[in-house]
PDB file of N, CA and C in Angstrom:
ATOM      1  N   UNK A   1     110.874  97.766  72.443  1.00  0.00           N
ATOM      2  CA  UNK A   1     110.996  97.233  73.884  1.00  0.00           C
ATOM      3  C   UNK A   1     111.048  97.893  74.686  1.00  0.00           C
ATOM      4  N   UNK A   2     109.867  98.032  75.716  1.00  0.00           N
ATOM      5  CA  UNK A   2     109.900  98.726  76.893  1.00  0.00           C
ATOM      6  C   UNK A   2     109.582  97.734  78.333  1.00  0.00           C
ATOM      7  N   UNK A   3     110.383  97.770  79.065  1.00  0.00           N
ATOM      8  CA  UNK A   3     109.952  96.796  80.146  1.00  0.00           C
ATOM      9  C   UNK A   3     109.936  97.640  81.279  1.00  0.00           C
ATOM     10  N   UNK A   4     108.512  97.403  82.095  1.00  0.00           N
ATOM     11  CA  UNK A   4     108.257  98.100  83.313  1.00  0.00           C
ATOM     12  C   UNK A   4     108.441  97.243  84.435  1.00  0.00           C
ATOM     13  N   UNK A   5     108.647  97.622  85.626  1.00  0.00           N
ATOM     14  CA  UNK A   5     108.676  97.193  86.790  1.00  0.00           C
ATOM     15  C   UNK A   5     107.927  97.888  88.020  1.00  0.00           C
ATOM     16  N   UNK A   6     107.451  97.503  88.240  1.00  0.00           N
ATOM     17  CA  UNK A   6     106.304  98.119  89.738  1.00  0.00           C
ATOM     18  C   UNK A   6     106.713  97.584  91.027  1.00  0.00           C
ATOM     19  N   UNK A   7     107.004  98.489  91.743  1.00  0.00           N
ATOM     20  CA  UNK A   7     107.256  98.370  93.205  1.00  0.00           C
ATOM     21  C   UNK A   7     106.528  99.030  94.181  1.00  0.00           C
ATOM     22  N   UNK A   8     106.619  98.887  95.757  1.00  0.00           N
ATOM     23  CA  UNK A   8     105.758  99.840  96.342  1.00  0.00           C
ATOM     24  C   UNK A   8     104.390  99.407  97.173  1.00  0.00           C
ATOM     25  N   UNK A   9     104.020  98.581  96.575  1.00  0.00           N
ATOM     26  CA  UNK A   9     102.616  97.993  96.955  1.00  0.00           C
ATOM     27  C   UNK A   9     102.743  97.349  98.455  1.00  0.00           C
ATOM     28  N   UNK A  10     101.777  97.178  99.067  1.00  0.00           N
ATOM     29  CA  UNK A  10     101.682  96.634 100.340  1.00  0.00           C
ATOM     30  C   UNK A  10     100.113  96.824 101.284  1.00  0.00           C
ATOM     31  N   UNK A  11     100.216  96.575 102.470  1.00  0.00           N
ATOM     32  CA  UNK A  11      98.961  96.419 103.380  1.00  0.00           C
ATOM     33  C   UNK A  11      99.216  97.940 103.792  1.00  0.00           C
ATOM     34  N   UNK A  12      97.737  98.719 103.851  1.00  0.00           N
ATOM     35  CA  UNK A  12      97.736  99.687 104.348  1.00  0.00           C
ATOM     36  C   UNK A  12      96.606 100.096 104.984  1.00  0.00           C
ATOM     37  N   UNK A  13      96.281 100.635 106.166  1.00  0.00           N
ATOM     38  CA  UNK A  13      95.136 101.237 106.510  1.00  0.00           C
ATOM     39  C   UNK A  13      94.254 102.232 105.882  1.00  0.00           C
ATOM     40  N   UNK A  14      92.659 102.282 106.169  1.00  0.00           N
ATOM     41  CA  UNK A  14      91.942 103.161 105.763  1.00  0.00           C
ATOM     42  C   UNK A  14      92.499 104.726 105.832  1.00  0.00           C
ATOM     43  N   UNK A  15      92.451 105.073 104.897  1.00  0.00           N
ATOM     44  CA  UNK A  15      92.884 106.557 105.146  1.00  0.00           C
ATOM     45  C   UNK A  15      94.313 106.887 105.485  1.00  0.00           C
ATOM     46  N   UNK A  16      95.420 105.884 104.696  1.00  0.00           N
ATOM     47  CA  UNK A  16      96.658 105.968 104.751  1.00  0.00           C
ATOM     48  C   UNK A  16      97.084 106.302 103.168  1.00  0.00           C
ATOM     49  N   UNK A  17      98.505 106.093 103.208  1.00  0.00           N
ATOM     50  CA  UNK A  17      99.310 106.423 101.779  1.00  0.00           C
ATOM     51  C   UNK A  17      99.937 105.711 101.347  1.00  0.00           C
ATOM     52  N   UNK A  18     100.248 105.564 100.131  1.00  0.00           N
ATOM     53  CA  UNK A  18     101.613 104.769  99.710  1.00  0.00           C
ATOM     54  C   UNK A  18     101.703 105.235  98.315  1.00  0.00           C
ATOM     55  N   UNK A  19     103.277 105.165  98.004  1.00  0.00           N
ATOM     56  CA  UNK A  19     103.919 105.648  96.508  1.00  0.00           C
ATOM     57  C   UNK A  19     104.302 104.433  96.013  1.00  0.00           C
ATOM     58  N   UNK A  20     103.692 104.059  94.555  1.00  0.00           N
ATOM     59  CA  UNK A  20     104.357 103.099  93.668  1.00  0.00           C
ATOM     60  C   UNK A  20     105.182 104.176  92.762  1.00  0.00           C
ATOM     61  N   UNK A  21     106.069 102.787  92.915  1.00  0.00           N
ATOM     62  CA  UNK A  21     107.124 103.202  91.415  1.00  0.00           C
ATOM     63  C   UNK A  21     106.798 102.018  90.620  1.00  0.00           C
ATOM     64  N   UNK A  22     107.330 102.538  88.969  1.00  0.00           N
ATOM     65  CA  UNK A  22     107.328 102.140  87.869  1.00  0.00           C
ATOM     66  C   UNK A  22     108.560 102.317  87.420  1.00  0.00           C
ATOM     67  N   UNK A  23     109.572 101.421  87.251  1.00  0.00           N
ATOM     68  CA  UNK A  23     111.024 101.641  86.617  1.00  0.00           C
ATOM     69  C   UNK A  23     110.972 101.192  85.072  1.00  0.00           C
ATOM     70  N   UNK A  24     111.328 102.190  84.551  1.00  0.00           N
ATOM     71  CA  UNK A  24     111.219 101.681  82.805  1.00  0.00           C
ATOM     72  C   UNK A  24     112.732 101.430  82.478  1.00  0.00           C
ATOM     73  N   UNK A  25     112.831 100.536  81.394  1.00  0.00           N
ATOM     74  CA  UNK A  25     114.280 100.318  81.040  1.00  0.00           C
ATOM     75  C   UNK A  25     114.884 100.853  79.963  1.00  0.00           C
ATOM     76  N   UNK A  26     113.973 102.341  79.502  1.00  0.00           N
ATOM     77  CA  UNK A  26     114.821 103.087  78.607  1.00  0.00           C
ATOM     78  C   UNK A  26     114.233 104.310  78.945  1.00  0.00           C
ATOM     79  N   UNK A  27     114.783 105.495  78.629  1.00  0.00           N
ATOM     80  CA  UNK A  27     114.161 106.607  78.296  1.00  0.00           C
ATOM     81  C   UNK A  27     112.741 106.498  77.643  1.00  0.00           C
ATOM     82  N   UNK A  28     111.835 107.190  78.142  1.00  0.00           N
ATOM     83  CA  UNK A  28     110.335 106.398  77.714  1.00  0.00           C
ATOM     84  C   UNK A  28     109.482 108.060  77.602  1.00  0.00           C
ATOM     85  N   UNK A  29     109.802 108.998  78.593  1.00  0.00           N
ATOM     86  CA  UNK A  29     109.047 110.121  78.419  1.00  0.00           C
ATOM     87  C   UNK A  29     108.640 110.964  77.519  1.00  0.00           C
ATOM     88  N   UNK A  30     109.742 111.222  76.447  1.00  0.00           N
ATOM     89  CA  UNK A  30     109.662 111.782  75.367  1.00  0.00           C
ATOM     90  C   UNK A  30     108.839 110.991  74.311  1.00  0.00           C
ATOM     91  N   UNK A  31     108.631 109.926  74.367  1.00  0.00           N
ATOM     92  CA  UNK A  31     107.958 109.160  73.325  1.00  0.00           C
ATOM     93  C   UNK A  31     106.774 108.461  73.886  1.00  0.00           C
ATOM     94  N   UNK A  32     106.769 108.060  75.118  1.00  0.00           N
ATOM     95  CA  UNK A  32     105.509 107.467  75.422  1.00  0.00           C
ATOM     96  C   UNK A  32     104.752 107.944  76.367  1.00  0.00           C
ATOM     97  N   UNK A  33     103.180 107.782  76.270  1.00  0.00           N
ATOM     98  CA  UNK A  33     102.608 107.995  77.275  1.00  0.00           C
ATOM     99  C   UNK A  33     102.581 106.949  78.501  1.00  0.00           C
ATOM    100  N   UNK A  34     102.551 107.107  80.112  1.00  0.00           N
ATOM    101  CA  UNK A  34     102.584 106.093  80.595  1.00  0.00           C
ATOM    102  C   UNK A  34     101.156 106.207  81.455  1.00  0.00           C
ATOM    103  N   UNK A  35     100.769 104.947  82.221  1.00  0.00           N
ATOM    104  CA  UNK A  35      99.720 105.221  82.633  1.00  0.00           C
ATOM    105  C   UNK A  35      99.370 104.344  83.892  1.00  0.00           C
ATOM    106  N   UNK A  36      98.525 104.318  85.035  1.00  0.00           N
ATOM    107  CA  UNK A  36      98.519 103.366  86.042  1.00  0.00           C
ATOM    108  C   UNK A  36      97.157 102.705  85.614  1.00  0.00           C
ATOM    109  N   UNK A  37      97.121 101.470  85.690  1.00  0.00           N
ATOM    110  CA  UNK A  37      95.690 100.778  85.958  1.00  0.00           C
ATOM    111  C   UNK A  37      95.903  99.747  87.007  1.00  0.00           C
ATOM    112  N   UNK A  38      94.457  99.571  87.570  1.00  0.00           N
ATOM    113  CA  UNK A  38      94.160  98.781  88.707  1.00  0.00           C
ATOM    114  C   UNK A  38      93.293  97.469  88.096  1.00  0.00           C
ATOM    115  N   UNK A  39      93.072  96.215  88.913  1.00  0.00           N
ATOM    116  CA  UNK A  39      92.274  95.465  88.720  1.00  0.00           C
ATOM    117  C   UNK A  39      92.071  94.290  89.981  1.00  0.00           C
ATOM    118  N   UNK A  40      90.714  94.888  90.312  1.00  0.00           N
ATOM    119  CA  UNK A  40      90.407  94.294  91.867  1.00  0.00           C
ATOM    120  C   UNK A  40      89.779  93.036  91.432  1.00  0.00           C
ATOM    121  N   UNK A  41      89.803  91.998  92.437  1.00  0.00           N
ATOM    122  CA  UNK A  41      89.300  90.681  92.186  1.00  0.00           C
ATOM    123  C   UNK A  41      87.970  90.432  91.538  1.00  0.00           C
ATOM    124  N   UNK A  42      87.990  89.885  90.642  1.00  0.00           N
ATOM    125  CA  UNK A  42      86.488  89.723  89.739  1.00  0.00           C
ATOM    126  C   UNK A  42      86.323  90.944  88.875  1.00  0.00           C
ATOM    127  N   UNK A  43      87.008  91.903  88.473  1.00  0.00           N
ATOM    128  CA  UNK A  43      86.526  92.983  87.873  1.00  0.00           C
ATOM    129  C   UNK A  43      88.047  92.880  86.558  1.00  0.00           C
ATOM    130  N   UNK A  44      87.536  93.651  85.622  1.00  0.00           N
ATOM    131  CA  UNK A  44      88.543  94.116  84.607  1.00  0.00           C
ATOM    132  C   UNK A  44      89.529  95.113  85.348  1.00  0.00           C
ATOM    133  N   UNK A  45      90.543  95.322  84.369  1.00  0.00           N
ATOM    134  CA  UNK A  45      91.371  96.292  84.142  1.00  0.00           C
ATOM    135  C   UNK A  45      90.787  97.606  83.943  1.00  0.00           C
ATOM    136  N   UNK A  46      91.337  98.670  84.786  1.00  0.00           N
ATOM    137  CA  UNK A  46      90.610 100.190  85.079  1.00  0.00           C
ATOM    138  C   UNK A  46      91.789 100.860  84.826  1.00  0.00           C
ATOM    139  N   UNK A  47      91.511 101.704  83.978  1.00  0.00           N
ATOM    140  CA  UNK A  47      92.652 103.478  83.949  1.00  0.00           C
ATOM    141  C   UNK A  47      92.476 103.781  85.291  1.00  0.00           C
ATOM    142  N   UNK A  48      93.352 104.330  86.051  1.00  0.00           N
ATOM    143  CA  UNK A  48      93.710 105.099  86.883  1.00  0.00           C
ATOM    144  C   UNK A  48      93.762 106.456  87.234  1.00  0.00           C
ATOM    145  N   UNK A  49      95.183 106.716  86.117  1.00  0.00           N
ATOM    146  CA  UNK A  49      95.857 107.544  85.953  1.00  0.00           C
ATOM    147  C   UNK A  49      96.746 107.373  84.582  1.00  0.00           C
ATOM    148  N   UNK A  50      96.713 108.772  84.129  1.00  0.00           N
ATOM    149  CA  UNK A  50      98.127 108.767  82.843  1.00  0.00           C
ATOM    150  C   UNK A  50      98.708 110.008  83.144  1.00  0.00           C
ATOM    151  N   UNK A  51      99.675 110.099  82.189  1.00  0.00           N
ATOM    152  CA  UNK A  51     100.803 111.089  81.984  1.00  0.00           C
ATOM    153  C   UNK A  51     101.143 110.771  80.920  1.00  0.00           C
ATOM    154  N   UNK A  52     100.832 112.583  79.800  1.00  0.00           N
ATOM    155  CA  UNK A  52     101.042 112.285  78.487  1.00  0.00           C
ATOM    156  C   UNK A  52     102.943 112.500  78.338  1.00  0.00           C
ATOM    157  N   UNK A  53     103.461 112.308  77.246  1.00  0.00           N
ATOM    158  CA  UNK A  53     104.753 112.359  76.649  1.00  0.00           C
ATOM    159  C   UNK A  53     104.742 113.748  76.554  1.00  0.00           C
ATOM    160  N   UNK A  54     106.490 114.163  76.378  1.00  0.00           N
ATOM    161  CA  UNK A  54     106.522 115.436  76.282  1.00  0.00           C
ATOM    162  C   UNK A  54     106.137 116.439  77.320  1.00  0.00           C
ATOM    163  N   UNK A  55     104.803 116.765  77.388  1.00  0.00           N
ATOM    164  CA  UNK A  55     104.357 117.934  78.196  1.00  0.00           C
ATOM    165  C   UNK A  55     104.157 117.208  79.782  1.00  0.00           C
ATOM    166  N   UNK A  56     103.499 116.223  80.035  1.00  0.00           N
ATOM    167  CA  UNK A  56     103.507 115.566  80.898  1.00  0.00           C
ATOM    168  C   UNK A  56     102.216 115.558  81.879  1.00  0.00           C
ATOM    169  N   UNK A  57     101.421 116.160  80.858  1.00  0.00           N
ATOM    170  CA  UNK A  57      99.879 116.465  81.528  1.00  0.00           C
ATOM    171  C   UNK A  57      99.548 115.308  81.976  1.00  0.00           C
ATOM    172  N   UNK A  58      98.635 115.510  83.457  1.00  0.00           N
ATOM    173  CA  UNK A  58      98.110 114.500  83.909  1.00  0.00           C
ATOM    174  C   UNK A  58      96.680 114.117  83.572  1.00  0.00           C
ATOM    175  N   UNK A  59      96.300 112.783  83.854  1.00  0.00           N
ATOM    176  CA  UNK A  59      94.841 112.969  83.707  1.00  0.00           C
ATOM    177  C   UNK A  59      94.419 111.578  84.725  1.00  0.00           C
ATOM    178  N   UNK A  60      93.160 111.509  85.368  1.00  0.00           N
ATOM    179  CA  UNK A  60      92.686 110.853  86.206  1.00  0.00           C
ATOM    180  C   UNK A  60      91.126 110.410  86.416  1.00  0.00           C
ATOM    181  N   UNK A  61      91.138 108.993  86.565  1.00  0.00           N
ATOM    182  CA  UNK A  61      89.690 108.829  86.884  1.00  0.00           C
ATOM    183  C   UNK A  61      88.950 109.121  88.001  1.00  0.00           C
ATOM    184  N   UNK A  62      87.612 110.126  87.976  1.00  0.00           N
ATOM    185  CA  UNK A  62      87.123 110.532  88.679  1.00  0.00           C
ATOM    186  C   UNK A  62      87.165 109.668  90.021  1.00  0.00           C
ATOM    187  N   UNK A  63      87.005 108.507  90.318  1.00  0.00           N
ATOM    188  CA  UNK A  63      87.495 108.005  91.717  1.00  0.00           C
ATOM    189  C   UNK A  63      88.485 108.060  92.514  1.00  0.00           C
ATOM    190  N   UNK A  64      89.787 108.483  91.718  1.00  0.00           N
ATOM    191  CA  UNK A  64      90.718 108.896  92.671  1.00  0.00           C
ATOM    192  C   UNK A  64      91.233 110.200  92.160  1.00  0.00           C
ATOM    193  N   UNK A  65      90.661 111.072  91.855  1.00  0.00           N
ATOM    194  CA  UNK A  65      90.658 112.501  91.681  1.00  0.00           C
ATOM    195  C   UNK A  65      91.056 113.095  92.793  1.00  0.00           C
ATOM    196  N   UNK A  66      92.135 113.810  93.095  1.00  0.00           N
ATOM    197  CA  UNK A  66      92.045 114.474  94.823  1.00  0.00           C
ATOM    198  C   UNK A  66      92.682 113.901  95.332  1.00  0.00           C
ATOM    199  N   UNK A  67      92.849 112.450  95.416  1.00  0.00           N
ATOM    200  CA  UNK A  67      93.816 111.743  96.162  1.00  0.00           C
ATOM    201  C   UNK A  67      95.053 111.174  95.635  1.00  0.00           C
ATOM    202  N   UNK A  68      95.021 110.652  94.405  1.00  0.00           N
ATOM    203  CA  UNK A  68      96.190 110.057  93.752  1.00  0.00           C
ATOM    204  C   UNK A  68      97.016 111.438  93.087  1.00  0.00           C
ATOM    205  N   UNK A  69      98.097 111.230  92.644  1.00  0.00           N
ATOM    206  CA  UNK A  69      99.176 111.768  91.903  1.00  0.00           C
ATOM    207  C   UNK A  69      99.813 111.251  91.304  1.00  0.00           C
ATOM    208  N   UNK A  70      99.953 111.328  89.725  1.00  0.00           N
ATOM    209  CA  UNK A  70     101.234 110.569  88.916  1.00  0.00           C
ATOM    210  C   UNK A  70     102.200 111.676  88.682  1.00  0.00           C
ATOM    211  N   UNK A  71     103.319 111.303  88.813  1.00  0.00           N
ATOM    212  CA  UNK A  71     104.500 112.139  87.895  1.00  0.00           C
ATOM    213  C   UNK A  71     105.551 111.039  87.485  1.00  0.00           C
ATOM    214  N   UNK A  72     106.643 112.003  86.737  1.00  0.00           N
ATOM    215  CA  UNK A  72     107.774 110.889  86.489  1.00  0.00           C
ATOM    216  C   UNK A  72     108.811 111.745  87.049  1.00  0.00           C
ATOM    217  N   UNK A  73     109.902 110.947  87.011  1.00  0.00           N
ATOM    218  CA  UNK A  73     111.336 111.644  87.209  1.00  0.00           C
ATOM    219  C   UNK A  73     111.944 110.822  85.684  1.00  0.00           C
ATOM    220  N   UNK A  74     112.678 112.066  84.650  1.00  0.00           N
ATOM    221  CA  UNK A  74     113.279 111.558  83.772  1.00  0.00           C
ATOM    222  C   UNK A  74     114.789 110.761  84.252  1.00  0.00           C
ATOM    223  N   UNK A  75     115.116 111.488  84.993  1.00  0.00           N
ATOM    224  CA  UNK A  75     116.412 111.361  85.507  1.00  0.00           C
ATOM    225  C   UNK A  75     116.649 109.488  86.080  1.00  0.00           C
ATOM    226  N   UNK A  76     115.665 109.573  86.601  1.00  0.00           N
ATOM    227  CA  UNK A  76     115.714 108.172  86.730  1.00  0.00           C
ATOM    228  C   UNK A  76     114.802 107.086  86.330  1.00  0.00           C
ATOM    229  N   UNK A  77     114.079 107.719  84.904  1.00  0.00           N
ATOM    230  CA  UNK A  77     113.372 106.482  84.336  1.00  0.00           C
ATOM    231  C   UNK A  77     112.270 106.246  84.759  1.00  0.00           C
ATOM    232  N   UNK A  78     111.575 106.656  85.893  1.00  0.00           N
ATOM    233  CA  UNK A  78     110.622 106.127  87.024  1.00  0.00           C
ATOM    234  C   UNK A  78     109.372 107.073  86.895  1.00  0.00           C
ATOM    235  N   UNK A  79     108.354 106.235  86.626  1.00  0.00           N
ATOM    236  CA  UNK A  79     106.783 106.760  86.986  1.00  0.00           C
ATOM    237  C   UNK A  79     106.470 106.821  88.559  1.00  0.00           C
ATOM    238  N   UNK A  80     105.806 107.500  88.936  1.00  0.00           N
ATOM    239  CA  UNK A  80     105.257 107.293  90.288  1.00  0.00           C
ATOM    240  C   UNK A  80     103.451 107.757  90.569  1.00  0.00           C
ATOM    241  N   UNK A  81     102.949 106.687  91.627  1.00  0.00           N
ATOM    242  CA  UNK A  81     101.487 106.775  91.461  1.00  0.00           C
ATOM    243  C   UNK A  81     101.544 107.176  93.344  1.00  0.00           C
ATOM    244  N   UNK A  82     101.465 108.431  93.635  1.00  0.00           N
ATOM    245  CA  UNK A  82     100.978 108.921  94.857  1.00  0.00           C
ATOM    246  C   UNK A  82      99.821 108.588  95.244  1.00  0.00           C
ATOM    247  N   UNK A  83      99.550 107.757  96.397  1.00  0.00           N
ATOM    248  CA  UNK A  83      98.311 107.364  96.876  1.00  0.00           C
ATOM    249  C   UNK A  83      97.983 107.847  98.160  1.00  0.00           C
ATOM    250  N   UNK A  84      96.783 108.742  98.519  1.00  0.00           N
ATOM    251  CA  UNK A  84      96.416 109.395  99.496  1.00  0.00           C
ATOM    252  C   UNK A  84      95.198 109.288  99.902  1.00  0.00           C
ATOM    253  N   UNK A  85      94.777 109.031 100.979  1.00  0.00           N
ATOM    254  CA  UNK A  85      93.398 108.878 101.530  1.00  0.00           C
ATOM    255  C   UNK A  85      92.691 107.648 101.140  1.00  0.00           C
ATOM    256  N   UNK A  86      93.455 106.614 101.117  1.00  0.00           N
ATOM    257  CA  UNK A  86      93.015 105.372 100.549  1.00  0.00           C
ATOM    258  C   UNK A  86      91.797 104.548 101.136  1.00  0.00           C
ATOM    259  N   UNK A  87      91.220 104.347 100.299  1.00  0.00           N
ATOM    260  CA  UNK A  87      89.861 103.429 100.641  1.00  0.00           C
ATOM    261  C   UNK A  87      90.141 101.820 100.787  1.00  0.00           C
ATOM    262  N   UNK A  88      89.317 101.039 101.178  1.00  0.00           N
ATOM    263  CA  UNK A  88      89.129  99.524 101.294  1.00  0.00           C
ATOM    264  C   UNK A  88      88.955  99.297  99.540  1.00  0.00           C
ATOM    265  N   UNK A  89      88.089 100.221  98.732  1.00  0.00           N
ATOM    266  CA  UNK A  89      87.759  99.973  97.443  1.00  0.00           C
ATOM    267  C   UNK A  89      88.654 100.041  96.562  1.00  0.00           C
ATOM    268  N   UNK A  90      89.986 100.741  97.055  1.00  0.00           N
ATOM    269  CA  UNK A  90      91.268 100.975  96.281  1.00  0.00           C
ATOM    270  C   UNK A  90      91.999  99.399  96.178  1.00  0.00           C
ATOM    271  N   UNK A  91      91.782  98.634  96.727  1.00  0.00           N
ATOM    272  CA  UNK A  91      92.208  97.400  96.882  1.00  0.00           C
ATOM    273  C   UNK A  91      92.440  96.864  95.499  1.00  0.00           C
ATOM    274  N   UNK A  92      93.604  96.395  95.038  1.00  0.00           N
ATOM    275  CA  UNK A  92      93.820  96.116  93.456  1.00  0.00           C
ATOM    276  C   UNK A  92      95.063  95.903  93.654  1.00  0.00           C
ATOM    277  N   UNK A  93      95.189  94.756  92.271  1.00  0.00           N
ATOM    278  CA  UNK A  93      96.526  94.835  91.718  1.00  0.00           C
ATOM    279  C   UNK A  93      96.966  95.996  90.620  1.00  0.00           C
ATOM    280  N   UNK A  94      97.690  96.807  90.997  1.00  0.00           N
ATOM    281  CA  UNK A  94      98.225  98.044  90.208  1.00  0.00           C
ATOM    282  C   UNK A  94      99.504  97.676  89.410  1.00  0.00           C
ATOM    283  N   UNK A  95      98.679  98.166  88.218  1.00  0.00           N
ATOM    284  CA  UNK A  95     100.064  97.838  86.917  1.00  0.00           C
ATOM    285  C   UNK A  95     100.140  99.098  86.161  1.00  0.00           C
ATOM    286  N   UNK A  96     101.812  99.334  85.845  1.00  0.00           N
ATOM    287  CA  UNK A  96     101.731 100.688  84.824  1.00  0.00           C
ATOM    288  C   UNK A  96     102.210  99.913  83.549  1.00  0.00           C
ATOM    289  N   UNK A  97     101.825 101.223  82.489  1.00  0.00           N
ATOM    290  CA  UNK A  97     101.658 100.494  81.011  1.00  0.00           C
ATOM    291  C   UNK A  97     102.289 101.911  80.173  1.00  0.00           C
ATOM    292  N   UNK A  98     102.652 101.466  79.179  1.00  0.00           N
ATOM    293  CA  UNK A  98     103.335 102.499  78.367  1.00  0.00           C
ATOM    294  C   UNK A  98     102.585 102.240  76.691  1.00  0.00           C
ATOM    295  N   UNK A  99     102.370 103.150  76.098  1.00  0.00           N
ATOM    296  CA  UNK A  99     102.076 103.448  74.864  1.00  0.00           C
ATOM    297  C   UNK A  99     102.574 104.504  73.891  1.00  0.00           C
ATOM    298  N   UNK A 100     103.305 104.309  73.097  1.00  0.00           N
ATOM    299  CA  UNK A 100     103.887 105.563  72.148  1.00  0.00           C
ATOM    300  C   UNK A 100     102.870 106.486  71.534  1.00  0.00           C
ATOM    301  N   UNK A 101     103.087 107.848  71.976  1.00  0.00           N
ATOM    302  CA  UNK A 101     102.901 108.683  71.444  1.00  0.00           C
ATOM    303  C   UNK A 101     101.908 109.120  72.324  1.00  0.00           C
ATOM    304  N   UNK A 102     100.824 110.144  71.852  1.00  0.00           N
ATOM    305  CA  UNK A 102      99.562 110.734  72.887  1.00  0.00           C
ATOM    306  C   UNK A 102      98.458 110.698  71.794  1.00  0.00           C
ATOM    307  N   UNK A 103      97.421 110.005  72.532  1.00  0.00           N
ATOM    308  CA  UNK A 103      96.253 110.394  72.133  1.00  0.00           C
ATOM    309  C   UNK A 103      94.944 111.212  73.341  1.00  0.00           C
ATOM    310  N   UNK A 104      94.123 111.493  73.193  1.00  0.00           N
ATOM    311  CA  UNK A 104      93.154 111.963  74.367  1.00  0.00           C
ATOM    312  C   UNK A 104      92.924 110.655  74.915  1.00  0.00           C
ATOM    313  N   UNK A 105      92.533 110.031  74.173  1.00  0.00           N
ATOM    314  CA  UNK A 105      91.605 108.551  74.319  1.00  0.00           C
ATOM    315  C   UNK A 105      92.699 107.740  74.878  1.00  0.00           C
ATOM    316  N   UNK A 106      93.841 107.887  75.225  1.00  0.00           N
ATOM    317  CA  UNK A 106      94.666 106.856  76.008  1.00  0.00           C
ATOM    318  C   UNK A 106      94.584 107.203  77.512  1.00  0.00           C
ATOM    319  N   UNK A 107      94.111 108.231  77.805  1.00  0.00           N
ATOM    320  CA  UNK A 107      93.731 108.505  78.993  1.00  0.00           C
ATOM    321  C   UNK A 107      92.339 109.064  79.526  1.00  0.00           C
ATOM    322  N   UNK A 108      91.492 108.165  78.593  1.00  0.00           N
ATOM    323  CA  UNK A 108      90.015 108.392  79.154  1.00  0.00           C
ATOM    324  C   UNK A 108      89.262 107.322  78.788  1.00  0.00           C
ATOM    325  N   UNK A 109      88.166 106.832  79.721  1.00  0.00           N
ATOM    326  CA  UNK A 109      87.385 105.562  79.365  1.00  0.00           C
ATOM    327  C   UNK A 109      88.055 104.625  79.921  1.00  0.00           C
ATOM    328  N   UNK A 110      88.335 103.775  78.596  1.00  0.00           N
ATOM    329  CA  UNK A 110      88.621 102.455  79.036  1.00  0.00           C
ATOM    330  C   UNK A 110      89.687 102.256  78.158  1.00  0.00           C
ATOM    331  N   UNK A 111      90.994 102.798  77.898  1.00  0.00           N
ATOM    332  CA  UNK A 111      92.172 102.744  77.135  1.00  0.00           C
ATOM    333  C   UNK A 111      92.902 101.333  77.097  1.00  0.00           C
ATOM    334  N   UNK A 112      92.826 100.638  78.086  1.00  0.00           N
ATOM    335  CA  UNK A 112      93.841  99.618  78.262  1.00  0.00           C
ATOM    336  C   UNK A 112      94.238  98.976  77.043  1.00  0.00           C
ATOM    337  N   UNK A 113      93.249  98.644  75.905  1.00  0.00           N
ATOM    338  CA  UNK A 113      93.628  97.950  74.762  1.00  0.00           C
ATOM    339  C   UNK A 113      94.667  98.852  73.939  1.00  0.00           C
ATOM    340  N   UNK A 114      94.950  99.894  74.174  1.00  0.00           N
ATOM    341  CA  UNK A 114      95.796 101.055  73.253  1.00  0.00           C
ATOM    342  C   UNK A 114      97.119 100.506  73.961  1.00  0.00           C
ATOM    343  N   UNK A 115      97.380 100.373  75.065  1.00  0.00           N
ATOM    344  CA  UNK A 115      98.925 100.284  75.715  1.00  0.00           C
ATOM    345  C   UNK A 115      99.270  99.105  75.344  1.00  0.00           C
ATOM    346  N   UNK A 116     100.784  99.213  74.915  1.00  0.00           N
ATOM    347  CA  UNK A 116     101.495  98.313  74.339  1.00  0.00           C
ATOM    348  C   UNK A 116     102.297  97.588  75.396  1.00  0.00           C
ATOM    349  N   UNK A 117     102.607  97.903  76.584  1.00  0.00           N
ATOM    350  CA  UNK A 117     103.998  97.608  77.316  1.00  0.00           C
ATOM    351  C   UNK A 117     103.300  97.516  78.613  1.00  0.00           C
ATOM    352  N   UNK A 118     103.407  96.043  79.337  1.00  0.00           N
ATOM    353  CA  UNK A 118     102.844  96.232  80.672  1.00  0.00           C
ATOM    354  C   UNK A 118     103.802  95.720  81.843  1.00  0.00           C
ATOM    355  N   UNK A 119     103.734  96.298  82.897  1.00  0.00           N
ATOM    356  CA  UNK A 119     104.504  95.606  84.182  1.00  0.00           C
ATOM    357  C   UNK A 119     103.768  94.251  84.890  1.00  0.00           C
ATOM    358  N   UNK A 120     104.278  93.583  85.624  1.00  0.00           N
ATOM    359  CA  UNK A 120     103.984  92.771  86.058  1.00  0.00           C
ATOM    360  C   UNK A 120     102.941  92.660  87.191  1.00  0.00           C
ATOM    361  N   UNK A 121     102.571  94.044  87.680  1.00  0.00           N
ATOM    362  CA  UNK A 121     101.923  94.754  88.656  1.00  0.00           C
ATOM    363  C   UNK A 121     102.522  94.240  90.389  1.00  0.00           C
ATOM    364  N   UNK A 122     101.690  95.162  91.290  1.00  0.00           N
ATOM    365  CA  UNK A 122     101.921  95.288  92.383  1.00  0.00           C
ATOM    366  C   UNK A 122     100.552  95.023  93.457  1.00  0.00           C
ATOM    367  N   UNK A 123     100.422  94.306  94.396  1.00  0.00           N
ATOM    368  CA  UNK A 123      99.098  94.214  95.405  1.00  0.00           C
ATOM    369  C   UNK A 123      99.258  95.622  95.969  1.00  0.00           C
ATOM    370  N   UNK A 124      98.212  95.943  96.245  1.00  0.00           N
ATOM    371  CA  UNK A 124      97.447  97.055  97.224  1.00  0.00           C
ATOM    372  C   UNK A 124      96.234  96.616  97.849  1.00  0.00           C
ATOM    373  N   UNK A 125      96.996  96.712  99.396  1.00  0.00           N
ATOM    374  CA  UNK A 125      95.529  96.233 100.075  1.00  0.00           C
ATOM    375  C   UNK A 125      95.243  97.313 101.036  1.00  0.00           C
ATOM    376  N   UNK A 126      94.333  97.826 100.914  1.00  0.00           N
ATOM    377  CA  UNK A 126      93.703  98.928 102.117  1.00  0.00           C
ATOM    378  C   UNK A 126      92.602  98.160 102.827  1.00  0.00           C
ATOM    379  N   UNK A 127      93.016  97.821 104.229  1.00  0.00           N
ATOM    380  CA  UNK A 127      92.108  97.110 105.180  1.00  0.00           C
ATOM    381  C   UNK A 127      92.714  97.284 106.474  1.00  0.00           C
ATOM    382  N   UNK A 128      91.827  97.320 107.564  1.00  0.00           N
ATOM    383  CA  UNK A 128      92.221  97.605 109.181  1.00  0.00           C
ATOM    384  C   UNK A 128      92.164  96.439 109.940  1.00  0.00           C
TER     385      UNK A 128
END
């Protein structure tokens, strides 16, 4: 079992920045691919960013490429999502998730069904 707890959400003005954190209950990064997903009101959950196990290769949805950065700190068992140049359309509940191993399709398209463990989510609102 892997427990995930997100934090860092809040209200930010357009153009601003936020950093989300996802604390994991155990050492996961050698065994699990970690992902960030978001769900806006009335929409399904969508992949935002992922980081592969072991090598830590990163992947991003085109909508956030160049603005968001996913990273991890093995000493703290924590995954981060640094979000810059935020837009109103980034408003959503952001969740982190984990899946054992790595396949390219874990970080492409609509991979949410591949992930086994989910956090409770944290709200991000981008508004003036």
